């Protein structure tokens, strides 16, 4: 299992203002699905931040996303650990397979792989 990237998710209705602010820090829009905008560094593309109004299919807005190389393997490990699964493992129409889990601090982590 390998982690490919980690990014904070900011719940906000100010996507345009956030895009402009993070642009001052060198981030550019790389994805915009209407309800989530992801901004990335040109010089280091894995350095990203997402701004989300609310999650399209999840019951809550996650606090962060972790992209892994094998989400099914990670899901099995997390499930077997007894951690709280907040959103079940599923394929999403925008090309990811993911689940949400609550960490020991109460934060919700979106764990995903691209298909």
C-alpha atoms as a PDB file:
ATOM      1  CA  UNK A   1       0.000   0.000   0.000  1.00  0.00           C
ATOM      2  CA  UNK A   2       1.345   3.431  -0.943  1.00  0.00           C
ATOM      3  CA  UNK A   3       0.061   6.937  -0.293  1.00  0.00           C
ATOM      4  CA  UNK A   4       0.047   9.015  -3.479  1.00  0.00           C
ATOM      5  CA  UNK A   5      -1.092  12.367  -2.065  1.00  0.00           C
ATOM      6  CA  UNK A   6      -2.767  13.988   0.901  1.00  0.00           C
ATOM      7  CA  UNK A   7      -4.836  17.162   0.685  1.00  0.00           C
ATOM      8  CA  UNK A   8      -6.879  19.238   3.085  1.00  0.00           C
ATOM      9  CA  UNK A   9     -10.549  19.783   2.266  1.00  0.00           C
ATOM     10  CA  UNK A  10     -12.001  23.158   3.236  1.00  0.00           C
ATOM     11  CA  UNK A  11     -15.780  23.340   3.540  1.00  0.00           C
ATOM     12  CA  UNK A  12     -16.795  26.719   2.145  1.00  0.00           C
ATOM     13  CA  UNK A  13     -19.272  28.577  -0.020  1.00  0.00           C
ATOM     14  CA  UNK A  14     -16.442  30.905  -1.143  1.00  0.00           C
ATOM     15  CA  UNK A  15     -14.918  28.829  -3.957  1.00  0.00           C
ATOM     16  CA  UNK A  16     -14.076  31.816  -6.174  1.00  0.00           C
ATOM     17  CA  UNK A  17     -12.532  33.786  -3.320  1.00  0.00           C
ATOM     18  CA  UNK A  18     -10.575  30.702  -2.236  1.00  0.00           C
ATOM     19  CA  UNK A  19      -9.346  30.132  -5.793  1.00  0.00           C
ATOM     20  CA  UNK A  20      -8.110  33.720  -5.916  1.00  0.00           C
ATOM     21  CA  UNK A  21      -6.490  33.558  -2.466  1.00  0.00           C
ATOM     22  CA  UNK A  22      -4.691  30.252  -3.048  1.00  0.00           C
ATOM     23  CA  UNK A  23      -3.681  31.560  -6.471  1.00  0.00           C
ATOM     24  CA  UNK A  24      -1.604  34.132  -4.604  1.00  0.00           C
ATOM     25  CA  UNK A  25       0.290  31.181  -3.102  1.00  0.00           C
ATOM     26  CA  UNK A  26       0.906  29.553  -6.495  1.00  0.00           C
ATOM     27  CA  UNK A  27      -2.089  27.202  -6.736  1.00  0.00           C
ATOM     28  CA  UNK A  28      -4.128  26.755  -9.924  1.00  0.00           C
ATOM     29  CA  UNK A  29      -7.486  25.078 -10.499  1.00  0.00           C
ATOM     30  CA  UNK A  30      -7.046  21.492 -11.719  1.00  0.00           C
ATOM     31  CA  UNK A  31     -10.589  20.185 -11.124  1.00  0.00           C
ATOM     32  CA  UNK A  32     -13.986  21.824 -10.752  1.00  0.00           C
ATOM     33  CA  UNK A  33     -17.097  19.666 -10.370  1.00  0.00           C
ATOM     34  CA  UNK A  34     -19.269  22.549  -9.182  1.00  0.00           C
ATOM     35  CA  UNK A  35     -19.466  21.310  -5.587  1.00  0.00           C
ATOM     36  CA  UNK A  36     -15.700  20.764  -5.222  1.00  0.00           C
ATOM     37  CA  UNK A  37     -12.758  22.703  -6.630  1.00  0.00           C
ATOM     38  CA  UNK A  38      -9.230  21.299  -6.387  1.00  0.00           C
ATOM     39  CA  UNK A  39      -6.229  23.586  -6.636  1.00  0.00           C
ATOM     40  CA  UNK A  40      -2.668  22.353  -7.217  1.00  0.00           C
ATOM     41  CA  UNK A  41       0.838  23.755  -7.304  1.00  0.00           C
ATOM     42  CA  UNK A  42       2.335  23.942 -10.802  1.00  0.00           C
ATOM     43  CA  UNK A  43       5.804  23.158  -9.505  1.00  0.00           C
ATOM     44  CA  UNK A  44       4.686  20.311  -7.222  1.00  0.00           C
ATOM     45  CA  UNK A  45       1.379  18.897  -8.546  1.00  0.00           C
ATOM     46  CA  UNK A  46       0.795  16.593  -5.559  1.00  0.00           C
ATOM     47  CA  UNK A  47       0.598  19.691  -3.326  1.00  0.00           C
ATOM     48  CA  UNK A  48      -3.137  20.338  -3.401  1.00  0.00           C
ATOM     49  CA  UNK A  49      -6.057  21.835  -1.513  1.00  0.00           C
ATOM     50  CA  UNK A  50      -9.769  21.306  -2.191  1.00  0.00           C
ATOM     51  CA  UNK A  51     -12.656  23.658  -1.439  1.00  0.00           C
ATOM     52  CA  UNK A  52     -16.042  21.964  -1.151  1.00  0.00           C
ATOM     53  CA  UNK A  53     -19.556  23.241  -0.479  1.00  0.00           C
ATOM     54  CA  UNK A  54     -20.688  19.764   0.639  1.00  0.00           C
ATOM     55  CA  UNK A  55     -19.902  16.257  -0.511  1.00  0.00           C
ATOM     56  CA  UNK A  56     -22.067  15.048  -3.390  1.00  0.00           C
ATOM     57  CA  UNK A  57     -22.643  11.491  -2.142  1.00  0.00           C
ATOM     58  CA  UNK A  58     -21.170  11.404   1.374  1.00  0.00           C
ATOM     59  CA  UNK A  59     -23.145  12.091   4.547  1.00  0.00           C
ATOM     60  CA  UNK A  60     -20.581  14.680   5.714  1.00  0.00           C
ATOM     61  CA  UNK A  61     -17.854  16.839   4.232  1.00  0.00           C
ATOM     62  CA  UNK A  62     -14.483  15.190   4.833  1.00  0.00           C
ATOM     63  CA  UNK A  63     -11.657  17.105   6.495  1.00  0.00           C
ATOM     64  CA  UNK A  64      -8.975  15.650   4.243  1.00  0.00           C
ATOM     65  CA  UNK A  65      -8.435  13.283   1.336  1.00  0.00           C
ATOM     66  CA  UNK A  66      -5.780  10.584   1.114  1.00  0.00           C
ATOM     67  CA  UNK A  67      -5.174   8.999  -2.286  1.00  0.00           C
ATOM     68  CA  UNK A  68      -3.758   5.477  -2.076  1.00  0.00           C
ATOM     69  CA  UNK A  69      -2.700   2.967  -4.712  1.00  0.00           C
ATOM     70  CA  UNK A  70      -5.155   0.247  -3.532  1.00  0.00           C
ATOM     71  CA  UNK A  71      -8.274   1.562  -1.812  1.00  0.00           C
ATOM     72  CA  UNK A  72      -9.787  -1.922  -1.482  1.00  0.00           C
ATOM     73  CA  UNK A  73      -6.796  -3.156   0.533  1.00  0.00           C
ATOM     74  CA  UNK A  74      -6.850  -0.049   2.737  1.00  0.00           C
ATOM     75  CA  UNK A  75     -10.599  -0.419   3.272  1.00  0.00           C
ATOM     76  CA  UNK A  76     -10.138  -4.011   4.471  1.00  0.00           C
ATOM     77  CA  UNK A  77      -7.388  -2.984   6.911  1.00  0.00           C
ATOM     78  CA  UNK A  78      -9.380  -0.029   8.274  1.00  0.00           C
ATOM     79  CA  UNK A  79     -12.617  -2.028   8.562  1.00  0.00           C
ATOM     80  CA  UNK A  80     -10.834  -4.868  10.368  1.00  0.00           C
ATOM     81  CA  UNK A  81      -9.292  -2.362  12.797  1.00  0.00           C
ATOM     82  CA  UNK A  82     -12.753  -1.420  14.048  1.00  0.00           C
ATOM     83  CA  UNK A  83     -12.457   2.222  12.959  1.00  0.00           C
ATOM     84  CA  UNK A  84     -15.758   3.955  12.194  1.00  0.00           C
ATOM     85  CA  UNK A  85     -16.604   3.791   8.493  1.00  0.00           C
ATOM     86  CA  UNK A  86     -18.606   6.971   7.841  1.00  0.00           C
ATOM     87  CA  UNK A  87     -19.291   6.371   4.130  1.00  0.00           C
ATOM     88  CA  UNK A  88     -19.076   2.907   2.531  1.00  0.00           C
ATOM     89  CA  UNK A  89     -16.595   1.892  -0.146  1.00  0.00           C
ATOM     90  CA  UNK A  90     -18.094   2.721  -3.526  1.00  0.00           C
ATOM     91  CA  UNK A  91     -17.317   3.780  -7.077  1.00  0.00           C
ATOM     92  CA  UNK A  92     -18.185   7.404  -7.835  1.00  0.00           C
ATOM     93  CA  UNK A  93     -19.300   8.776 -11.207  1.00  0.00           C
ATOM     94  CA  UNK A  94     -16.319  11.186 -11.319  1.00  0.00           C
ATOM     95  CA  UNK A  95     -13.813   8.351 -11.568  1.00  0.00           C
ATOM     96  CA  UNK A  96     -12.752   7.480  -8.030  1.00  0.00           C
ATOM     97  CA  UNK A  97     -13.388   4.550  -5.701  1.00  0.00           C
ATOM     98  CA  UNK A  98     -13.552   5.762  -2.095  1.00  0.00           C
ATOM     99  CA  UNK A  99     -14.767   5.506   1.476  1.00  0.00           C
ATOM    100  CA  UNK A 100     -14.790   7.812   4.512  1.00  0.00           C
ATOM    101  CA  UNK A 101     -13.361   6.855   7.893  1.00  0.00           C
ATOM    102  CA  UNK A 102     -13.290   8.791  11.188  1.00  0.00           C
ATOM    103  CA  UNK A 103      -9.823   9.196  12.723  1.00  0.00           C
ATOM    104  CA  UNK A 104      -9.146   9.134  16.506  1.00  0.00           C
ATOM    105  CA  UNK A 105      -9.521  12.945  16.602  1.00  0.00           C
ATOM    106  CA  UNK A 106     -13.013  12.859  15.133  1.00  0.00           C
ATOM    107  CA  UNK A 107     -11.840  14.060  11.701  1.00  0.00           C
ATOM    108  CA  UNK A 108     -13.321  12.451   8.608  1.00  0.00           C
ATOM    109  CA  UNK A 109     -10.829  11.159   6.042  1.00  0.00           C
ATOM    110  CA  UNK A 110     -11.825  10.509   2.428  1.00  0.00           C
ATOM    111  CA  UNK A 111      -9.664   7.565   1.288  1.00  0.00           C
ATOM    112  CA  UNK A 112      -9.615   7.081  -2.486  1.00  0.00           C
ATOM    113  CA  UNK A 113      -8.030   5.631  -5.582  1.00  0.00           C
ATOM    114  CA  UNK A 114      -8.581   6.774  -9.147  1.00  0.00           C
ATOM    115  CA  UNK A 115     -10.020   4.117 -11.436  1.00  0.00           C
END
